[in-house]
Amino acid sequence: MRTSFAHLAMAGAVMKKELNVPIKCAIVAEKAAWTEGMIKAAQATIPKLGMELVGTWQPSDKATDVTAELSAIQKSGANIVFTIFSASVGITFARQAGELKIPAAQVGINVEAQKDGFWEATKGMGNYVFTTNTYCRGVEYNELTTPFMDKFIKRFNETPTYTAGGTHDAIMYALVPSIEAVGSLDADKIVAHLENREYKVPSGIVKYEKTKDGKPTHDLTWGPGYLTSLGVQWQDGKLVGVWPNKWKLTPDGPEATYKGIVPMKLPPWLKK
């Protein structure tokens, strides 16, 4: 969620700079157990970002019509919608919001928008949808990114999803080198080795966090120089990387911008 909140903060900053308006944010999450904790986190975080939370909507994850929700969101005055979608409702919401020219930027998690087929699925109405993602054509975390992407696309004819990339990295860069290093398939030995490794993968640098007294937490280090994921946006039929763009985790921390990142765009109907 930290990544999605960073994306939301950036979108708010862009909107304030270009439109000079107060930010009013609506949460729209598919009705599912997995979203409940995220909704609570978003409800707590959005006001801390200097945004007014105007409401929360939870359509079915398989909804084929969300015009009622979109109408209510428009009446609320929201100019940003924080989405939490993993299922087909992500297509429905994006398509109908585009058809109705709802004056609000969509930012957050929309798994369907991560896929190459999203533009066609929304009939081109998913323009300007912004979602968290791991990979994006034309964006490089490091020198391993493009070779992995090229091979994957050549074999499967699609951009790798976060699950595909994560599985590849876990086998090739985590398990195999650790098994070879310890010379054993003993799980405890492999884990102990992994806990103390720092290694490069096509999406960044993997390093497990530890408590102050040195105990491994099995949480991955997040931030510039390690793992960040991407913020991607559909711009006129092309999925492009828009975050991190001169992003800092802390005011005095290192800055992150990956090769291929371009500026985020607001929907033109939002500017009227």
C-alpha atoms as a PDB file:
ATOM      1  CA  MET A   1       0.000   0.000   0.000  1.00  0.00           C
ATOM      2  CA  ARG A   2       2.910   2.386   0.613  1.00  0.00           C
ATOM      3  CA  THR A   3       3.598   2.443  -3.111  1.00  0.00           C
ATOM      4  CA  SER A   4      -0.025   3.206  -3.980  1.00  0.00           C
ATOM      5  CA  PHE A   5      -0.124   5.983  -1.391  1.00  0.00           C
ATOM      6  CA  ALA A   6       3.048   7.456  -2.911  1.00  0.00           C
ATOM      7  CA  HIS A   7       1.286   7.399  -6.287  1.00  0.00           C
ATOM      8  CA  LEU A   8      -1.749   9.098  -4.769  1.00  0.00           C
ATOM      9  CA  ALA A   9       0.450  11.792  -3.239  1.00  0.00           C
ATOM     10  CA  MET A  10       2.126  12.430  -6.590  1.00  0.00           C
ATOM     11  CA  ALA A  11      -1.214  12.657  -8.399  1.00  0.00           C
ATOM     12  CA  GLY A  12      -2.427  15.125  -5.798  1.00  0.00           C
ATOM     13  CA  ALA A  13       0.710  17.222  -6.223  1.00  0.00           C
ATOM     14  CA  VAL A  14       0.288  17.276 -10.011  1.00  0.00           C
ATOM     15  CA  MET A  15      -3.344  18.299  -9.642  1.00  0.00           C
ATOM     16  CA  LYS A  16      -2.551  21.083  -7.192  1.00  0.00           C
ATOM     17  CA  LYS A  17       0.200  22.398  -9.452  1.00  0.00           C
ATOM     18  CA  GLU A  18      -1.826  22.301 -12.675  1.00  0.00           C
ATOM     19  CA  LEU A  19      -5.317  23.105 -11.395  1.00  0.00           C
ATOM     20  CA  ASN A  20      -4.702  24.814  -8.045  1.00  0.00           C
ATOM     21  CA  VAL A  21      -7.736  23.176  -6.440  1.00  0.00           C
ATOM     22  CA  PRO A  22      -8.347  21.393  -3.121  1.00  0.00           C
ATOM     23  CA  ILE A  23      -8.041  17.631  -3.483  1.00  0.00           C
ATOM     24  CA  LYS A  24     -11.134  15.584  -2.741  1.00  0.00           C
ATOM     25  CA  CYS A  25     -10.620  11.832  -2.815  1.00  0.00           C
ATOM     26  CA  ALA A  26     -13.085   8.958  -3.121  1.00  0.00           C
ATOM     27  CA  ILE A  27     -12.178   5.345  -2.354  1.00  0.00           C
ATOM     28  CA  VAL A  28     -13.610   2.681  -4.650  1.00  0.00           C
ATOM     29  CA  ALA A  29     -12.734  -0.898  -3.736  1.00  0.00           C
ATOM     30  CA  GLU A  30     -14.222  -4.139  -4.942  1.00  0.00           C
ATOM     31  CA  LYS A  31     -16.337  -5.868  -2.322  1.00  0.00           C
ATOM     32  CA  ALA A  32     -13.986  -8.580  -1.086  1.00  0.00           C
ATOM     33  CA  ALA A  33     -12.337  -9.642   2.155  1.00  0.00           C
ATOM     34  CA  TRP A  34      -8.848  -8.775   0.901  1.00  0.00           C
ATOM     35  CA  THR A  35      -9.740  -5.108   0.379  1.00  0.00           C
ATOM     36  CA  GLU A  36     -11.091  -4.431   3.879  1.00  0.00           C
ATOM     37  CA  GLY A  37      -7.703  -3.799   5.488  1.00  0.00           C
ATOM     38  CA  MET A  38      -6.654  -1.671   2.532  1.00  0.00           C
ATOM     39  CA  ILE A  39      -9.797   0.430   2.805  1.00  0.00           C
ATOM     40  CA  LYS A  40      -9.081   1.123   6.470  1.00  0.00           C
ATOM     41  CA  ALA A  41      -5.482   2.039   5.668  1.00  0.00           C
ATOM     42  CA  ALA A  42      -6.613   4.367   2.886  1.00  0.00           C
ATOM     43  CA  GLN A  43      -9.244   6.013   5.076  1.00  0.00           C
ATOM     44  CA  ALA A  44      -6.549   6.734   7.658  1.00  0.00           C
ATOM     45  CA  THR A  45      -3.894   7.876   5.160  1.00  0.00           C
ATOM     46  CA  ILE A  46      -5.798  10.088   2.725  1.00  0.00           C
ATOM     47  CA  PRO A  47      -6.422  12.925   5.236  1.00  0.00           C
ATOM     48  CA  LYS A  48      -2.728  12.801   6.184  1.00  0.00           C
ATOM     49  CA  LEU A  49      -1.909  13.550   2.547  1.00  0.00           C
ATOM     50  CA  GLY A  50      -3.850  16.792   2.818  1.00  0.00           C
ATOM     51  CA  MET A  51      -6.853  15.445   0.927  1.00  0.00           C
ATOM     52  CA  GLU A  52     -10.498  15.430   1.905  1.00  0.00           C
ATOM     53  CA  LEU A  53     -12.009  11.946   1.976  1.00  0.00           C
ATOM     54  CA  VAL A  54     -15.497  12.270   0.481  1.00  0.00           C
ATOM     55  CA  GLY A  55     -16.669   8.673   0.676  1.00  0.00           C
ATOM     56  CA  THR A  56     -16.067   4.971   0.132  1.00  0.00           C
ATOM     57  CA  TRP A  57     -17.816   2.796  -2.438  1.00  0.00           C
ATOM     58  CA  GLN A  58     -17.612  -1.003  -2.742  1.00  0.00           C
ATOM     59  CA  PRO A  59     -19.110  -2.464  -5.926  1.00  0.00           C
ATOM     60  CA  SER A  60     -19.064  -6.188  -6.643  1.00  0.00           C
ATOM     61  CA  ASP A  61     -15.771  -7.454  -8.018  1.00  0.00           C
ATOM     62  CA  LYS A  62     -17.715  -8.699 -11.061  1.00  0.00           C
ATOM     63  CA  ALA A  63     -19.972  -5.651 -11.490  1.00  0.00           C
ATOM     64  CA  THR A  64     -20.977  -4.943 -15.088  1.00  0.00           C
ATOM     65  CA  ASP A  65     -22.548  -1.557 -14.336  1.00  0.00           C
ATOM     66  CA  VAL A  66     -21.158   1.011 -11.883  1.00  0.00           C
ATOM     67  CA  THR A  67     -23.005   4.081 -13.125  1.00  0.00           C
ATOM     68  CA  ALA A  68     -24.720   4.476  -9.745  1.00  0.00           C
ATOM     69  CA  GLU A  69     -21.358   4.597  -7.978  1.00  0.00           C
ATOM     70  CA  LEU A  70     -19.916   6.962 -10.591  1.00  0.00           C
ATOM     71  CA  SER A  71     -22.902   9.286 -10.285  1.00  0.00           C
ATOM     72  CA  ALA A  72     -22.505   9.391  -6.503  1.00  0.00           C
ATOM     73  CA  ILE A  73     -18.770  10.013  -6.812  1.00  0.00           C
ATOM     74  CA  GLN A  74     -19.354  12.910  -9.198  1.00  0.00           C
ATOM     75  CA  LYS A  75     -21.942  14.406  -6.842  1.00  0.00           C
ATOM     76  CA  SER A  76     -19.444  14.122  -3.968  1.00  0.00           C
ATOM     77  CA  GLY A  77     -17.093  16.497  -5.762  1.00  0.00           C
ATOM     78  CA  ALA A  78     -14.214  14.002  -5.820  1.00  0.00           C
ATOM     79  CA  ASN A  79     -11.435  14.888  -8.246  1.00  0.00           C
ATOM     80  CA  ILE A  80      -9.333  11.811  -7.442  1.00  0.00           C
ATOM     81  CA  VAL A  81     -10.571   8.234  -7.126  1.00  0.00           C
ATOM     82  CA  PHE A  82      -8.346   5.829  -5.205  1.00  0.00           C
ATOM     83  CA  THR A  83      -9.078   2.411  -6.703  1.00  0.00           C
ATOM     84  CA  ILE A  84      -8.558  -1.048  -5.201  1.00  0.00           C
ATOM     85  CA  PHE A  85      -9.472  -3.544  -7.927  1.00  0.00           C
ATOM     86  CA  SER A  86      -8.165  -7.000  -8.758  1.00  0.00           C
ATOM     87  CA  ALA A  87     -11.051  -8.338 -10.833  1.00  0.00           C
ATOM     88  CA  SER A  88     -13.153  -7.450 -13.879  1.00  0.00           C
ATOM     89  CA  VAL A  89     -14.861  -4.507 -12.157  1.00  0.00           C
ATOM     90  CA  GLY A  90     -11.634  -2.633 -12.901  1.00  0.00           C
ATOM     91  CA  ILE A  91     -12.510  -2.750 -16.599  1.00  0.00           C
ATOM     92  CA  THR A  92     -16.134  -1.786 -16.006  1.00  0.00           C
ATOM     93  CA  PHE A  93     -15.239   1.156 -13.777  1.00  0.00           C
ATOM     94  CA  ALA A  94     -12.566   2.520 -16.098  1.00  0.00           C
ATOM     95  CA  ARG A  95     -14.691   2.139 -19.229  1.00  0.00           C
ATOM     96  CA  GLN A  96     -17.809   3.773 -17.803  1.00  0.00           C
ATOM     97  CA  ALA A  97     -15.841   6.557 -16.094  1.00  0.00           C
ATOM     98  CA  GLY A  98     -14.264   7.320 -19.465  1.00  0.00           C
ATOM     99  CA  GLU A  99     -17.577   7.181 -21.315  1.00  0.00           C
ATOM    100  CA  LEU A 100     -19.175   9.560 -18.811  1.00  0.00           C
ATOM    101  CA  LYS A 101     -16.080  11.801 -18.626  1.00  0.00           C
ATOM    102  CA  ILE A 102     -16.179  11.695 -14.839  1.00  0.00           C
ATOM    103  CA  PRO A 103     -13.990  14.654 -13.750  1.00  0.00           C
ATOM    104  CA  ALA A 104     -11.671  12.662 -11.505  1.00  0.00           C
ATOM    105  CA  ALA A 105      -8.263  11.047 -11.934  1.00  0.00           C
ATOM    106  CA  GLN A 106      -8.102   7.308 -11.184  1.00  0.00           C
ATOM    107  CA  VAL A 107      -5.084   6.248  -9.132  1.00  0.00           C
ATOM    108  CA  GLY A 108      -4.376   3.126  -7.092  1.00  0.00           C
ATOM    109  CA  ILE A 109      -4.561  -0.590  -7.805  1.00  0.00           C
ATOM    110  CA  ASN A 110      -6.307  -1.844 -10.916  1.00  0.00           C
ATOM    111  CA  VAL A 111      -4.895  -5.235 -11.857  1.00  0.00           C
ATOM    112  CA  GLU A 112      -6.781  -5.319 -15.161  1.00  0.00           C
ATOM    113  CA  ALA A 113      -5.138  -2.018 -16.113  1.00  0.00           C
ATOM    114  CA  GLN A 114      -1.733  -3.658 -15.687  1.00  0.00           C
ATOM    115  CA  LYS A 115      -2.454  -5.932 -18.643  1.00  0.00           C
ATOM    116  CA  ASP A 116      -1.732  -5.262 -22.300  1.00  0.00           C
ATOM    117  CA  GLY A 117      -5.362  -6.009 -23.240  1.00  0.00           C
ATOM    118  CA  PHE A 118      -6.845  -3.287 -21.024  1.00  0.00           C
ATOM    119  CA  TRP A 119      -7.074  -0.660 -23.759  1.00  0.00           C
ATOM    120  CA  GLU A 120      -9.075  -2.943 -26.015  1.00  0.00           C
ATOM    121  CA  ALA A 121     -11.184  -4.246 -23.111  1.00  0.00           C
ATOM    122  CA  THR A 122     -12.246  -0.687 -22.213  1.00  0.00           C
ATOM    123  CA  LYS A 123     -12.740   0.263 -25.875  1.00  0.00           C
ATOM    124  CA  GLY A 124     -10.183   3.020 -25.395  1.00  0.00           C
ATOM    125  CA  MET A 125     -12.113   4.518 -22.495  1.00  0.00           C
ATOM    126  CA  GLY A 126      -9.444   3.570 -19.959  1.00  0.00           C
ATOM    127  CA  ASN A 127      -7.276   6.504 -20.969  1.00  0.00           C
ATOM    128  CA  TYR A 128      -5.360   8.142 -18.079  1.00  0.00           C
ATOM    129  CA  VAL A 129      -6.009   5.261 -15.657  1.00  0.00           C
ATOM    130  CA  PHE A 130      -3.045   5.046 -13.255  1.00  0.00           C
ATOM    131  CA  THR A 131      -2.171   1.826 -11.455  1.00  0.00           C
ATOM    132  CA  THR A 132       0.581   0.210  -9.471  1.00  0.00           C
ATOM    133  CA  ASN A 133       2.606  -2.249 -11.552  1.00  0.00           C
ATOM    134  CA  THR A 134       5.923  -4.069 -11.558  1.00  0.00           C
ATOM    135  CA  TYR A 135       6.970  -3.924 -15.200  1.00  0.00           C
ATOM    136  CA  CYS A 136       6.290  -1.582 -18.100  1.00  0.00           C
ATOM    137  CA  ARG A 137       7.659  -1.664 -21.622  1.00  0.00           C
ATOM    138  CA  GLY A 138      10.361   0.954 -22.045  1.00  0.00           C
ATOM    139  CA  VAL A 139      11.088   1.370 -18.327  1.00  0.00           C
ATOM    140  CA  GLU A 140      14.332   0.068 -16.810  1.00  0.00           C
ATOM    141  CA  TYR A 141      15.108  -0.444 -13.131  1.00  0.00           C
ATOM    142  CA  ASN A 142      18.611  -1.669 -13.967  1.00  0.00           C
ATOM    143  CA  GLU A 143      20.597  -3.562 -16.601  1.00  0.00           C
ATOM    144  CA  LEU A 144      18.667  -6.800 -15.937  1.00  0.00           C
ATOM    145  CA  THR A 145      15.239  -5.353 -16.744  1.00  0.00           C
ATOM    146  CA  THR A 146      15.294  -5.151 -20.534  1.00  0.00           C
ATOM    147  CA  PRO A 147      16.818  -8.606 -21.192  1.00  0.00           C
ATOM    148  CA  PHE A 148      14.187 -10.208 -18.937  1.00  0.00           C
ATOM    149  CA  MET A 149      11.370  -8.212 -20.535  1.00  0.00           C
ATOM    150  CA  ASP A 150      12.529  -8.955 -24.078  1.00  0.00           C
ATOM    151  CA  LYS A 151      12.751 -12.704 -23.462  1.00  0.00           C
ATOM    152  CA  PHE A 152       9.400 -12.833 -21.693  1.00  0.00           C
ATOM    153  CA  ILE A 153       7.586 -10.838 -24.384  1.00  0.00           C
ATOM    154  CA  LYS A 154       9.187 -12.885 -27.165  1.00  0.00           C
ATOM    155  CA  ARG A 155       8.003 -16.118 -25.541  1.00  0.00           C
ATOM    156  CA  PHE A 156       4.567 -15.115 -24.245  1.00  0.00           C
ATOM    157  CA  ASN A 157       3.721 -12.042 -26.369  1.00  0.00           C
ATOM    158  CA  GLU A 158       2.680  -9.999 -23.346  1.00  0.00           C
ATOM    159  CA  THR A 159       4.207  -7.824 -20.634  1.00  0.00           C
ATOM    160  CA  PRO A 160       5.018  -9.830 -17.490  1.00  0.00           C
ATOM    161  CA  THR A 161       2.693  -9.319 -14.534  1.00  0.00           C
ATOM    162  CA  TYR A 162       3.960  -8.992 -10.968  1.00  0.00           C
ATOM    163  CA  THR A 163       3.314 -12.702 -10.376  1.00  0.00           C
ATOM    164  CA  ALA A 164       5.344 -13.740 -13.419  1.00  0.00           C
ATOM    165  CA  GLY A 165       8.277 -11.513 -12.538  1.00  0.00           C
ATOM    166  CA  GLY A 166       8.209 -12.465  -8.881  1.00  0.00           C
ATOM    167  CA  THR A 167       8.205 -16.184  -9.640  1.00  0.00           C
ATOM    168  CA  HIS A 168      11.071 -15.807 -12.105  1.00  0.00           C
ATOM    169  CA  ASP A 169      13.137 -13.812  -9.607  1.00  0.00           C
ATOM    170  CA  ALA A 170      12.433 -16.176  -6.714  1.00  0.00           C
ATOM    171  CA  ILE A 171      13.737 -19.139  -8.680  1.00  0.00           C
ATOM    172  CA  MET A 172      16.600 -17.617 -10.649  1.00  0.00           C
ATOM    173  CA  TYR A 173      17.994 -15.072  -8.201  1.00  0.00           C
ATOM    174  CA  ALA A 174      16.858 -16.249  -4.771  1.00  0.00           C
ATOM    175  CA  LEU A 175      16.489 -20.019  -4.510  1.00  0.00           C
ATOM    176  CA  VAL A 176      19.048 -21.331  -6.998  1.00  0.00           C
ATOM    177  CA  PRO A 177      22.018 -19.217  -5.793  1.00  0.00           C
ATOM    178  CA  SER A 178      21.153 -19.895  -2.135  1.00  0.00           C
ATOM    179  CA  ILE A 179      20.838 -23.648  -2.683  1.00  0.00           C
ATOM    180  CA  GLU A 180      24.172 -23.651  -4.487  1.00  0.00           C
ATOM    181  CA  ALA A 181      25.788 -21.548  -1.752  1.00  0.00           C
ATOM    182  CA  VAL A 182      24.705 -23.783   1.144  1.00  0.00           C
ATOM    183  CA  GLY A 183      25.080 -26.998  -0.850  1.00  0.00           C
ATOM    184  CA  SER A 184      21.836 -28.354   0.516  1.00  0.00           C
ATOM    185  CA  LEU A 185      18.057 -28.475   0.080  1.00  0.00           C
ATOM    186  CA  ASP A 186      17.574 -28.045   3.817  1.00  0.00           C
ATOM    187  CA  ALA A 187      14.948 -25.301   4.141  1.00  0.00           C
ATOM    188  CA  ASP A 188      16.364 -23.814   7.346  1.00  0.00           C
ATOM    189  CA  LYS A 189      19.818 -23.445   5.812  1.00  0.00           C
ATOM    190  CA  ILE A 190      18.408 -21.866   2.663  1.00  0.00           C
ATOM    191  CA  VAL A 191      16.303 -19.398   4.659  1.00  0.00           C
ATOM    192  CA  ALA A 192      19.237 -18.437   6.870  1.00  0.00           C
ATOM    193  CA  HIS A 193      21.284 -17.705   3.763  1.00  0.00           C
ATOM    194  CA  LEU A 194      18.508 -15.698   2.105  1.00  0.00           C
ATOM    195  CA  GLU A 195      18.002 -13.584   5.215  1.00  0.00           C
ATOM    196  CA  ASN A 196      21.498 -12.180   4.902  1.00  0.00           C
ATOM    197  CA  ARG A 197      21.727 -11.721   1.159  1.00  0.00           C
ATOM    198  CA  GLU A 198      21.402  -8.580  -0.911  1.00  0.00           C
ATOM    199  CA  TYR A 199      20.983  -9.257  -4.602  1.00  0.00           C
ATOM    200  CA  LYS A 200      19.893  -7.628  -7.833  1.00  0.00           C
ATOM    201  CA  VAL A 201      16.786  -8.698  -9.767  1.00  0.00           C
ATOM    202  CA  PRO A 202      15.177  -7.151 -12.883  1.00  0.00           C
ATOM    203  CA  SER A 203      12.893  -5.027 -10.662  1.00  0.00           C
ATOM    204  CA  GLY A 204      15.492  -3.680  -8.230  1.00  0.00           C
ATOM    205  CA  ILE A 205      17.589  -4.817  -5.266  1.00  0.00           C
ATOM    206  CA  VAL A 206      16.312  -7.417  -2.804  1.00  0.00           C
ATOM    207  CA  LYS A 207      17.276  -7.087   0.838  1.00  0.00           C
ATOM    208  CA  TYR A 208      15.349  -8.455   3.803  1.00  0.00           C
ATOM    209  CA  GLU A 209      14.724  -6.086   6.675  1.00  0.00           C
ATOM    210  CA  LYS A 210      15.782  -6.795  10.238  1.00  0.00           C
ATOM    211  CA  THR A 211      14.674  -5.545  13.627  1.00  0.00           C
ATOM    212  CA  LYS A 212      16.912  -3.231  15.640  1.00  0.00           C
ATOM    213  CA  ASP A 213      18.385  -6.246  17.407  1.00  0.00           C
ATOM    214  CA  GLY A 214      19.167  -7.969  14.116  1.00  0.00           C
ATOM    215  CA  LYS A 215      16.310 -10.443  13.819  1.00  0.00           C
ATOM    216  CA  PRO A 216      15.057 -10.979  10.244  1.00  0.00           C
ATOM    217  CA  THR A 217      11.488  -9.814   9.643  1.00  0.00           C
ATOM    218  CA  HIS A 218      11.141 -11.343   6.157  1.00  0.00           C
ATOM    219  CA  ASP A 219       9.860  -7.985   4.930  1.00  0.00           C
ATOM    220  CA  LEU A 220      11.541  -6.636   1.815  1.00  0.00           C
ATOM    221  CA  THR A 221      13.346  -3.302   1.943  1.00  0.00           C
ATOM    222  CA  TRP A 222      11.278  -0.710   0.073  1.00  0.00           C
ATOM    223  CA  GLY A 223      12.497   2.578  -1.299  1.00  0.00           C
ATOM    224  CA  PRO A 224      15.073   4.179  -3.605  1.00  0.00           C
ATOM    225  CA  GLY A 225      17.965   1.825  -4.261  1.00  0.00           C
ATOM    226  CA  TYR A 226      15.924  -1.282  -3.426  1.00  0.00           C
ATOM    227  CA  LEU A 227      12.404  -2.302  -4.499  1.00  0.00           C
ATOM    228  CA  THR A 228       9.780   0.292  -5.378  1.00  0.00           C
ATOM    229  CA  SER A 229       7.549  -1.117  -8.125  1.00  0.00           C
ATOM    230  CA  LEU A 230       6.197   1.369 -10.668  1.00  0.00           C
ATOM    231  CA  GLY A 231       3.314   3.709 -11.226  1.00  0.00           C
ATOM    232  CA  VAL A 232       2.030   3.261 -14.771  1.00  0.00           C
ATOM    233  CA  GLN A 233      -0.600   5.151 -16.735  1.00  0.00           C
ATOM    234  CA  TRP A 234      -2.494   4.586 -19.953  1.00  0.00           C
ATOM    235  CA  GLN A 235      -1.757   7.514 -22.254  1.00  0.00           C
ATOM    236  CA  ASP A 236      -3.434   7.455 -25.681  1.00  0.00           C
ATOM    237  CA  GLY A 237      -3.325   3.697 -26.104  1.00  0.00           C
ATOM    238  CA  LYS A 238       0.096   3.116 -24.590  1.00  0.00           C
ATOM    239  CA  LEU A 239       0.961   2.018 -21.061  1.00  0.00           C
ATOM    240  CA  VAL A 240       3.825   4.198 -19.824  1.00  0.00           C
ATOM    241  CA  GLY A 241       5.772   4.508 -16.592  1.00  0.00           C
ATOM    242  CA  VAL A 242       5.121   7.733 -14.652  1.00  0.00           C
ATOM    243  CA  TRP A 243       6.486   6.949 -11.161  1.00  0.00           C
ATOM    244  CA  PRO A 244       8.999   7.209  -9.524  1.00  0.00           C
ATOM    245  CA  ASN A 245       9.798  10.580 -11.039  1.00  0.00           C
ATOM    246  CA  LYS A 246      12.284  12.476  -8.851  1.00  0.00           C
ATOM    247  CA  TRP A 247      10.695  10.717  -5.885  1.00  0.00           C
ATOM    248  CA  LYS A 248      12.197  10.706  -2.396  1.00  0.00           C
ATOM    249  CA  LEU A 249      11.096   8.481   0.468  1.00  0.00           C
ATOM    250  CA  THR A 250      12.267  11.131   2.935  1.00  0.00           C
ATOM    251  CA  PRO A 251      13.066  14.821   2.347  1.00  0.00           C
ATOM    252  CA  ASP A 252      16.806  14.249   2.770  1.00  0.00           C
ATOM    253  CA  GLY A 253      16.866  10.783   1.176  1.00  0.00           C
ATOM    254  CA  PRO A 254      18.114   9.710  -2.261  1.00  0.00           C
ATOM    255  CA  GLU A 255      16.040  10.522  -5.332  1.00  0.00           C
ATOM    256  CA  ALA A 256      14.634   7.865  -7.658  1.00  0.00           C
ATOM    257  CA  THR A 257      13.747   8.139 -11.342  1.00  0.00           C
ATOM    258  CA  TYR A 258      14.028   5.158 -13.678  1.00  0.00           C
ATOM    259  CA  LYS A 259      15.032   5.251 -17.320  1.00  0.00           C
ATOM    260  CA  GLY A 260      11.932   5.631 -19.478  1.00  0.00           C
ATOM    261  CA  ILE A 261       9.728   7.389 -16.901  1.00  0.00           C
ATOM    262  CA  VAL A 262       7.519  10.165 -18.337  1.00  0.00           C
ATOM    263  CA  PRO A 263       5.260  12.787 -16.692  1.00  0.00           C
ATOM    264  CA  MET A 264       1.807  11.827 -15.458  1.00  0.00           C
ATOM    265  CA  LYS A 265      -1.087  13.344 -17.409  1.00  0.00           C
ATOM    266  CA  LEU A 266      -4.419  14.501 -16.025  1.00  0.00           C
ATOM    267  CA  PRO A 267      -7.577  13.754 -18.038  1.00  0.00           C
ATOM    268  CA  PRO A 268      -8.255  16.841 -20.195  1.00  0.00           C
ATOM    269  CA  TRP A 269     -11.916  16.896 -19.101  1.00  0.00           C
ATOM    270  CA  LEU A 270     -10.684  17.372 -15.535  1.00  0.00           C
ATOM    271  CA  LYS A 271      -9.162  20.708 -16.513  1.00  0.00           C
ATOM    272  CA  LYS A 272     -12.393  22.260 -17.750  1.00  0.00           C
END
